[in-house]
């Protein structure tokens, strides 16, 4: 399994340094190159300089929520197809739908099992290898939109921003 994850670049965006650093340590153990950003307002700049294959974003951060960070990243052409994964303590369908609308590919619930981290590394490696072939990524939005009953991505992003501005 380690061979599949060699050289995968992972950016962790989390306001909790202990959580981000311990996750980064685990990812490095499996051969990934991992960096952490504790201030979500610095996420786009760090992502641009690091060029990660996988970006893991905490949903509930005080200065910017994870959905806003995802929208900002998706607006940068370099990250249009990058694997974005939200990490949240919320497991309900509404949060999943809001995150899908913001552009996340996957939704993980804390605490994230080690097996899921390893699977994400393998998925990021496969996506990086397939990028030249333009193989589409799994789209969480298509999976959860029937649950949310929403029809247009822009409206969903606006709802996500509104929802998280109240949380």
Protein backbone atom coordinates (compact mmCIF):
# COMPACT_ATOMS: atom_id res chain seq x y z
CA UNK A 1 0.00 0.00 0.00
CA UNK A 2 2.87 2.36 0.72
CA UNK A 3 4.08 2.20 -2.89
CA UNK A 4 0.75 3.63 -4.09
CA UNK A 5 1.10 6.67 -1.84
CA UNK A 6 4.70 7.70 -2.58
CA UNK A 7 5.07 11.39 -3.35
CA UNK A 8 1.40 12.22 -2.81
CA UNK A 9 1.31 15.84 -1.71
CA UNK A 10 -1.32 16.54 0.96
CA UNK A 11 -2.34 19.92 2.34
CA UNK A 12 -4.20 19.87 5.67
CA UNK A 13 -6.25 22.95 6.55
CA UNK A 14 -7.38 22.87 10.15
CA UNK A 15 -7.45 25.48 12.91
CA UNK A 16 -6.52 22.79 15.45
CA UNK A 17 -2.72 22.34 15.25
CA UNK A 18 -2.80 19.08 17.22
CA UNK A 19 -5.31 17.51 14.83
CA UNK A 20 -3.54 18.77 11.70
CA UNK A 21 -0.06 17.83 12.88
CA UNK A 22 -1.05 14.34 14.06
CA UNK A 23 -2.82 13.67 10.75
CA UNK A 24 0.20 14.97 8.84
CA UNK A 25 2.45 12.65 10.86
CA UNK A 26 0.29 9.65 9.94
CA UNK A 27 0.25 10.64 6.27
CA UNK A 28 4.05 10.98 6.26
CA UNK A 29 4.31 7.52 7.80
CA UNK A 30 2.58 6.20 4.66
CA UNK A 31 4.94 8.04 2.34
CA UNK A 32 3.02 11.24 1.66
CA UNK A 33 4.47 14.72 1.75
CA UNK A 34 2.16 16.64 4.08
CA UNK A 35 1.88 20.28 5.09
CA UNK A 36 -0.47 21.93 7.54
CA UNK A 37 -2.13 25.35 7.50
CA UNK A 38 -3.79 26.49 10.72
CA UNK A 39 -5.25 29.75 9.40
CA UNK A 40 -7.75 29.07 6.61
CA UNK A 41 -7.22 32.60 5.27
CA UNK A 42 -3.75 31.43 4.19
CA UNK A 43 -4.96 28.22 2.56
CA UNK A 44 -5.06 29.40 -1.06
CA UNK A 45 -1.58 30.92 -0.93
CA UNK A 46 -0.12 27.77 0.62
CA UNK A 47 -1.95 25.56 -1.87
CA UNK A 48 -0.59 27.59 -4.79
CA UNK A 49 2.99 27.29 -3.53
CA UNK A 50 2.71 23.59 -2.56
CA UNK A 51 0.56 22.22 -5.45
CA UNK A 52 -1.04 19.39 -3.46
CA UNK A 53 -2.65 16.29 -4.97
CA UNK A 54 -5.07 16.09 -2.04
CA UNK A 55 -6.44 18.84 0.18
CA UNK A 56 -8.15 17.96 3.47
CA UNK A 57 -10.17 20.78 5.02
CA UNK A 58 -11.78 21.01 8.43
CA UNK A 59 -15.40 22.13 8.11
CA UNK A 60 -15.79 24.18 11.28
CA UNK A 61 -13.11 26.85 11.58
CA UNK A 62 -13.67 30.26 13.19
CA UNK A 63 -12.26 32.71 10.64
CA UNK A 64 -13.44 30.93 7.44
CA UNK A 65 -15.51 27.78 7.25
CA UNK A 66 -14.37 24.85 5.15
CA UNK A 67 -17.02 25.42 2.46
CA UNK A 68 -15.75 28.96 1.85
CA UNK A 69 -12.18 27.69 1.60
CA UNK A 70 -13.30 24.99 -0.87
CA UNK A 71 -15.11 27.58 -3.03
CA UNK A 72 -12.00 29.77 -3.03
CA UNK A 73 -9.79 26.84 -4.04
CA UNK A 74 -12.18 25.68 -6.76
CA UNK A 75 -12.14 29.19 -8.24
CA UNK A 76 -8.41 28.76 -8.93
CA UNK A 77 -7.89 26.84 -12.18
CA UNK A 78 -4.98 24.88 -10.71
CA UNK A 79 -7.37 23.24 -8.21
CA UNK A 80 -10.40 22.68 -10.42
CA UNK A 81 -9.81 18.91 -10.41
CA UNK A 82 -7.81 18.51 -7.18
CA UNK A 83 -9.21 15.98 -4.72
CA UNK A 84 -10.88 18.05 -1.96
CA UNK A 85 -11.93 16.23 1.19
CA UNK A 86 -13.91 17.76 4.02
CA UNK A 87 -13.30 16.50 7.55
CA UNK A 88 -16.18 17.15 9.92
CA UNK A 89 -17.74 16.15 13.17
CA UNK A 90 -21.17 16.36 11.52
CA UNK A 91 -22.50 13.23 9.81
CA UNK A 92 -25.94 14.45 8.71
CA UNK A 93 -27.18 14.68 5.09
CA UNK A 94 -27.56 18.48 5.20
CA UNK A 95 -23.87 19.06 5.96
CA UNK A 96 -22.91 16.53 3.30
CA UNK A 97 -25.08 18.30 0.71
CA UNK A 98 -23.72 21.73 1.61
CA UNK A 99 -20.15 20.48 1.31
CA UNK A 100 -20.86 18.80 -2.01
CA UNK A 101 -22.29 22.07 -3.29
CA UNK A 102 -19.09 23.83 -2.25
CA UNK A 103 -17.01 21.49 -4.42
CA UNK A 104 -15.79 18.76 -2.10
CA UNK A 105 -15.19 15.31 -3.60
CA UNK A 106 -15.47 13.38 -0.33
CA UNK A 107 -16.84 13.82 3.16
CA UNK A 108 -15.14 12.21 6.15
CA UNK A 109 -16.45 12.18 9.70
CA UNK A 110 -14.08 12.67 12.63
CA UNK A 111 -12.32 10.77 13.94
CA UNK A 112 -11.08 9.59 10.56
CA UNK A 113 -10.05 5.91 10.63
CA UNK A 114 -6.53 5.13 9.47
CA UNK A 115 -7.88 2.93 6.69
CA UNK A 116 -9.70 5.93 5.19
CA UNK A 117 -6.52 8.02 5.20
CA UNK A 118 -4.62 5.28 3.39
CA UNK A 119 -7.49 4.91 0.90
CA UNK A 120 -7.42 8.66 0.24
CA UNK A 121 -3.70 8.56 -0.42
CA UNK A 122 -4.16 5.75 -2.91
CA UNK A 123 -7.05 7.61 -4.55
CA UNK A 124 -5.00 10.81 -4.81
CA UNK A 125 -2.12 8.85 -6.37
CA UNK A 126 -4.47 7.22 -8.88
CA UNK A 127 -6.05 10.59 -9.73
CA UNK A 128 -2.63 12.14 -10.24
CA UNK A 129 -1.60 9.28 -12.53
CA UNK A 130 -4.88 9.49 -14.46
CA UNK A 131 -4.81 13.29 -14.82
CA UNK A 132 -3.13 13.06 -18.21
CA UNK A 133 -6.01 10.90 -19.38
CA UNK A 134 -8.56 13.39 -17.97
CA UNK A 135 -10.37 10.69 -16.01
CA UNK A 136 -13.25 12.31 -14.06
CA UNK A 137 -13.13 12.37 -10.26
CA UNK A 138 -15.95 10.97 -8.13
CA UNK A 139 -18.40 13.81 -7.68
CA UNK A 140 -19.93 13.87 -4.21
CA UNK A 141 -22.35 16.51 -5.47
CA UNK A 142 -24.07 13.99 -7.77
CA UNK A 143 -24.37 11.56 -4.87
CA UNK A 144 -26.03 13.91 -2.38
CA UNK A 145 -27.99 16.38 -4.49
CA UNK A 146 -31.10 14.17 -4.53
CA UNK A 147 -30.96 14.24 -0.72
CA UNK A 148 -30.76 18.02 -0.65
CA UNK A 149 -33.35 18.43 -3.38
CA UNK A 150 -31.28 21.16 -5.02
CA UNK A 151 -30.91 21.65 -8.73
CA UNK A 152 -28.22 24.23 -9.35
CA UNK A 153 -24.70 24.34 -7.98
CA UNK A 154 -24.52 28.13 -7.55
CA UNK A 155 -27.67 28.23 -5.44
CA UNK A 156 -26.28 25.42 -3.31
CA UNK A 157 -23.03 27.26 -2.72
CA UNK A 158 -24.98 30.35 -1.65
CA UNK A 159 -27.05 28.23 0.74
CA UNK A 160 -23.88 26.66 2.14
CA UNK A 161 -22.36 30.07 2.77
CA UNK A 162 -25.56 31.30 4.41
CA UNK A 163 -25.84 28.18 6.57
CA UNK A 164 -22.26 28.32 7.79
CA UNK A 165 -22.39 32.05 8.45
CA UNK A 166 -25.01 31.23 11.12
CA UNK A 167 -23.10 28.35 12.71
